[in-house]
């Protein structure tokens, strides 16, 4: 099949860009090296849009949360990621989590069946000299292509470490010690009857021993060229968090508030008392056989992980489907090398999308792929591109990537209300709802004006 545009990378961003273009009638060649004899350090399959870290798309609350608002905006623009996410959804309280295998298979099936998409298993080693192209190779871009990008941009790559949390087999969890509950008993339509998280309680003595174990455990050694690479604050290894203070974890991933332990009741607390600390596990697949240790991304060596994590009450006999890990991510200094339409300055036939641009998170990566696809479609149709308003989550994220951020200190960023134009005449308690209300109204007006959503 001849093609109107070439997309390099079949992850979340590349798949979303391909869908947006194909739905607007443009033919797409989607190149993915996995399945063609190559693999990355983090992927385990050759499926399109494989989720390599958590299975969570984070909060789905579009009224008070920036990433939930981004979910809403992507749904309004017919996102394939949001479509597949709904079909693969598993209980996660007010968050949106998915069965990673079902999700990837749904994206793969949808694109394989689309008459305008040709998925080709091949590695691309250099940026093309001609032809409209979207590069969405993600933070684990293969070395040859990464070197080609560096030559084209004239900039050294920036980098950070990203850590992966372990996954536990459900039938190895001791439910006589643990219990199921969502924090503050929050629910949504996808929630389980009793709650969405398995909670492992800790006493003060158990917590202090666990904290010391994190500090003492044998950790991954860095190679010399990796030693100055910063961590991304939104995906910090748990032992790095622990090093910041003995109580840091109790105010982070191990906070006990809103969780009543039914095994620890008194006349004063008939529903159970809050433990000193809690380890939470979130359902990772639709069958409920695999559970992810929330916030437990780690650079501990495998043996140290097994030894320490089996000291957690309820996980004494835990069997791990996957242990935690650490990999090096790369991204562009986008405010310097990309224009406002994500095009490479000096080579405008090439766009970048997804995490390689310096956004962080599954949803943000997909969103930038969505916008890149829409930009390319407008260009192919000979239409002038009018981007989403800065007041929307899409517009705020795009503005951060393409020029609002300080180039000297540019780092990966999750979507957050700090990227939005401020509202000074709204009280602090009402500000989040005001941001989301404004964004939804402005997005609807933009969609209607630009006639953006494909039929």
Foldseek 3Di string as FASTA:
>chain_A
DDFQEEEEAQALLSLQLCVQQLLLPGAYEYEAQFVVPDDFPQDDHSFGRADRAFQWLFALDLQFFQSVVLLVLCVVQVTLQNVLQVVQFAADFRTTGGQRVSSRVSSRVVQVPRPRYDYHNHQDQADDQDGFYEYAHFQRRDDRHVVNVCVLQVDDWAKAKAKHFFKWFPVLFAVVQWDAADQLRGHDPNHDPHHFKIKFFDAPVLLQVLLVLLQPFAFDDDDPVCPPHHHDPVRDAPSVQSVVDVCSVCVPQFPQHRPARCVAADPVRNSHDGGSTIFIWGQRGRVSRMTTGPSNGHRGDPVSCLVSVLSGHRNVRIDTPGHMHMDMTIADLQQRQAALLQAGVPRRSYHYAACNLQADGSSRRSLRSNSNSLSVSCVVVVHDDDDQDLLRQSNLSSCCSHHPPDSVPRHHYYGGCVSGDADPPDDPVCRSSVSSVVRVVSSVVVCVVVVSHRD
